[in-house]
Protein backbone atom coordinates (compact mmCIF):
# COMPACT_ATOMS: atom_id res chain seq x y z
CA MET A 1 10.76 -0.22 -16.24
CA SER A 2 9.44 2.08 -13.52
CA ILE A 3 7.77 0.69 -10.40
CA ARG A 4 4.66 2.44 -11.68
CA ASP A 5 4.69 0.27 -14.84
CA ILE A 6 4.90 -3.16 -13.18
CA PRO A 7 1.78 -5.19 -14.06
CA VAL A 8 -0.61 -5.69 -11.13
CA GLN A 9 -4.25 -6.73 -10.80
CA THR A 10 -7.06 -4.93 -9.08
CA LEU A 11 -8.90 -6.74 -6.31
CA GLY A 12 -11.57 -7.43 -8.94
CA GLY A 13 -8.99 -9.15 -11.16
CA ALA A 14 -8.52 -6.48 -13.85
CA PRO A 15 -4.97 -5.98 -15.13
CA THR A 16 -3.49 -2.54 -14.44
CA THR A 17 -0.41 -0.69 -13.18
CA LEU A 18 0.17 1.88 -10.47
CA ALA A 19 0.52 4.47 -13.25
CA GLU A 20 -2.95 3.59 -14.56
CA LEU A 21 -4.50 3.47 -11.09
CA ALA A 22 -2.90 6.64 -9.80
CA GLY A 23 -2.49 8.74 -12.92
CA ASP A 24 -0.22 11.67 -12.17
CA LYS A 25 -0.23 11.13 -8.40
CA SER A 26 2.19 9.96 -5.77
CA VAL A 27 1.17 6.63 -4.25
CA LEU A 28 1.34 5.17 -0.76
CA VAL A 29 1.49 1.39 -1.30
CA VAL A 30 0.46 -0.51 1.83
CA ASN A 31 0.18 -4.26 2.40
CA VAL A 32 -3.07 -4.67 4.31
CA ALA A 33 -4.91 -7.35 6.28
CA SER A 34 -8.39 -7.59 7.78
CA ARG A 35 -7.60 -9.65 10.89
CA CYS A 36 -4.49 -7.95 12.22
CA GLY A 37 -3.91 -5.91 15.35
CA LEU A 38 -2.90 -3.11 12.98
CA THR A 39 -6.11 -3.33 10.90
CA PRO A 40 -7.46 -0.10 12.51
CA GLN A 41 -4.79 1.69 10.44
CA TYR A 42 -7.33 1.45 7.60
CA ALA A 43 -9.10 4.42 9.22
CA GLY A 44 -5.96 6.56 8.96
CA LEU A 45 -5.38 5.45 5.39
CA VAL A 46 -8.93 6.48 4.48
CA ARG A 47 -8.34 9.89 6.09
CA LEU A 48 -5.11 10.29 4.09
CA GLN A 49 -7.06 9.52 0.93
CA GLN A 50 -9.74 12.04 1.86
CA THR A 51 -7.21 14.74 2.77
CA TYR A 52 -4.75 14.36 -0.09
CA GLY A 53 -6.70 12.48 -2.80
CA GLY A 54 -7.58 15.66 -4.64
CA ARG A 55 -4.07 17.04 -4.35
CA GLY A 56 -2.01 14.54 -6.35
CA PHE A 57 -1.92 11.54 -4.01
CA THR A 58 -3.58 8.15 -3.55
CA VAL A 59 -3.33 5.17 -1.24
CA VAL A 60 -3.18 1.72 -2.85
CA GLY A 61 -3.84 -1.29 -0.60
CA VAL A 62 -2.31 -4.70 -1.29
CA PRO A 63 -4.03 -7.47 0.70
CA CYS A 64 -1.52 -10.04 1.93
CA ASN A 65 -2.07 -13.29 3.82
CA GLN A 66 1.58 -14.03 4.60
CA PHE A 67 1.59 -12.87 8.22
CA LEU A 68 -0.17 -15.46 10.41
CA GLY A 69 -2.93 -15.85 7.82
CA GLN A 70 -4.46 -12.49 8.77
CA GLU A 71 -6.02 -11.88 5.32
CA PRO A 72 -7.72 -15.21 4.54
CA GLY A 73 -10.76 -13.86 2.67
CA THR A 74 -11.71 -13.91 -0.97
CA ALA A 75 -11.55 -10.74 -3.04
CA GLU A 76 -15.26 -10.19 -2.43
CA GLU A 77 -14.91 -10.69 1.33
CA ILE A 78 -11.96 -8.30 1.50
CA GLN A 79 -13.85 -5.64 -0.49
CA GLU A 80 -16.94 -6.04 1.69
CA PHE A 81 -14.92 -5.86 4.93
CA CYS A 82 -13.04 -2.75 3.82
CA ALA A 83 -16.16 -0.94 2.66
CA ALA A 84 -18.39 -1.91 5.58
CA ASN A 85 -15.90 -1.36 8.40
CA TYR A 86 -13.73 1.50 7.15
CA GLY A 87 -15.38 3.03 4.08
CA VAL A 88 -12.26 2.33 2.02
CA ASP A 89 -12.40 4.47 -1.10
CA PHE A 90 -8.89 3.92 -2.41
CA PRO A 91 -7.83 1.21 -4.87
CA LEU A 92 -7.16 -2.31 -3.61
CA LEU A 93 -5.04 -4.75 -5.56
CA ALA A 94 -5.36 -8.52 -5.75
CA LYS A 95 -4.06 -10.46 -2.77
CA SER A 96 -0.30 -10.78 -3.21
CA GLU A 97 2.79 -12.10 -1.49
CA VAL A 98 5.22 -9.43 -0.36
CA ASN A 99 8.09 -11.69 0.77
CA GLY A 100 9.63 -14.98 -0.26
CA ALA A 101 9.93 -16.94 -3.48
CA GLN A 102 6.46 -15.92 -4.69
CA ARG A 103 6.96 -12.22 -3.89
CA HIS A 104 5.08 -10.03 -6.35
CA PRO A 105 7.44 -8.14 -8.72
CA LEU A 106 6.08 -4.86 -7.33
CA TYR A 107 7.41 -5.84 -3.90
CA THR A 108 10.68 -7.10 -5.37
CA GLU A 109 11.29 -3.48 -6.32
CA LEU A 110 9.74 -1.82 -3.27
CA THR A 111 11.70 -3.88 -0.73
CA GLN A 112 14.98 -2.61 -2.17
CA ALA A 113 14.16 0.76 -0.59
CA ALA A 114 15.51 1.50 2.86
CA ASP A 115 13.52 2.80 5.80
CA ALA A 116 14.53 5.82 7.92
CA GLU A 117 17.15 3.68 9.69
CA GLY A 118 18.72 2.65 6.39
CA LYS A 119 17.35 -0.91 6.42
CA ALA A 120 15.97 -2.44 3.24
CA GLY A 121 14.76 -6.01 2.68
CA ASP A 122 11.69 -8.00 3.58
CA VAL A 123 8.42 -6.46 4.67
CA GLN A 124 8.22 -6.90 8.45
CA TRP A 125 4.44 -7.23 8.88
CA ASN A 126 1.07 -6.02 7.66
CA PHE A 127 0.68 -2.28 7.03
CA GLU A 128 4.22 -1.52 5.89
CA LYS A 129 4.07 1.62 3.77
CA PHE A 130 6.02 2.73 0.68
CA LEU A 131 5.63 6.23 -0.76
CA VAL A 132 6.23 6.22 -4.52
CA SER A 133 6.67 9.44 -6.49
CA ARG A 134 4.90 10.34 -9.71
CA GLU A 135 8.12 9.36 -11.46
CA GLY A 136 8.25 5.90 -9.85
CA GLU A 137 10.95 6.55 -7.22
CA VAL A 138 10.46 5.16 -3.72
CA LEU A 139 10.62 8.33 -1.62
CA ALA A 140 10.08 6.80 1.82
CA ARG A 141 9.44 3.53 3.60
CA PHE A 142 7.53 3.34 6.85
CA ARG A 143 7.46 0.20 8.98
CA PRO A 144 4.14 -1.28 10.14
CA GLN A 145 4.05 0.38 13.56
CA THR A 146 4.20 3.84 11.96
CA GLU A 147 0.63 5.12 11.89
CA PRO A 148 -0.64 6.48 8.56
CA GLU A 149 -1.05 9.96 10.06
CA ASP A 150 2.35 10.03 11.76
CA GLU A 151 4.10 13.36 11.20
CA ALA A 152 6.86 11.69 9.16
CA VAL A 153 4.30 10.19 6.79
CA LEU A 154 2.38 13.44 6.44
CA THR A 155 5.57 15.41 5.77
CA ALA A 156 6.69 12.93 3.10
CA ILE A 157 3.27 13.03 1.41
CA GLU A 158 3.24 16.83 1.45
CA LYS A 159 6.66 16.91 -0.22
CA SER A 160 5.54 14.38 -2.85
CA ILE A 161 2.48 16.27 -4.10
């Protein structure tokens, strides 16, 4: 099974997959949080969606409350926060765990991918980014401190579309 075929749920609770959400696009999967010092990265993610959304790319946000409880809200609160504060127009999935015994199967697969330093394993913090190809291959992994519009991210996206 491809990463793109792993069952997930939208923030609204509808069953789907990355393949259904993204169609024939590469996907930047990002675990997000509303009360994190890195939350302003939402703005860069929205700009990525605006810049590349029509060119075979989409961002998919995965709310996660595992890091100091920085995403405590309900689905409705998360949606409202994202829309009101950042104008998020990319898909958001249901709140999920990205590490540990209850890790979502999507993240079981994603965390096998290594970052630029060759390190795989657990997600370090909110806003860790995984670029997944149209074929379901993890092309790149960017740690939380890497801004969405960092040159390495932009180059990887350009190559993926």
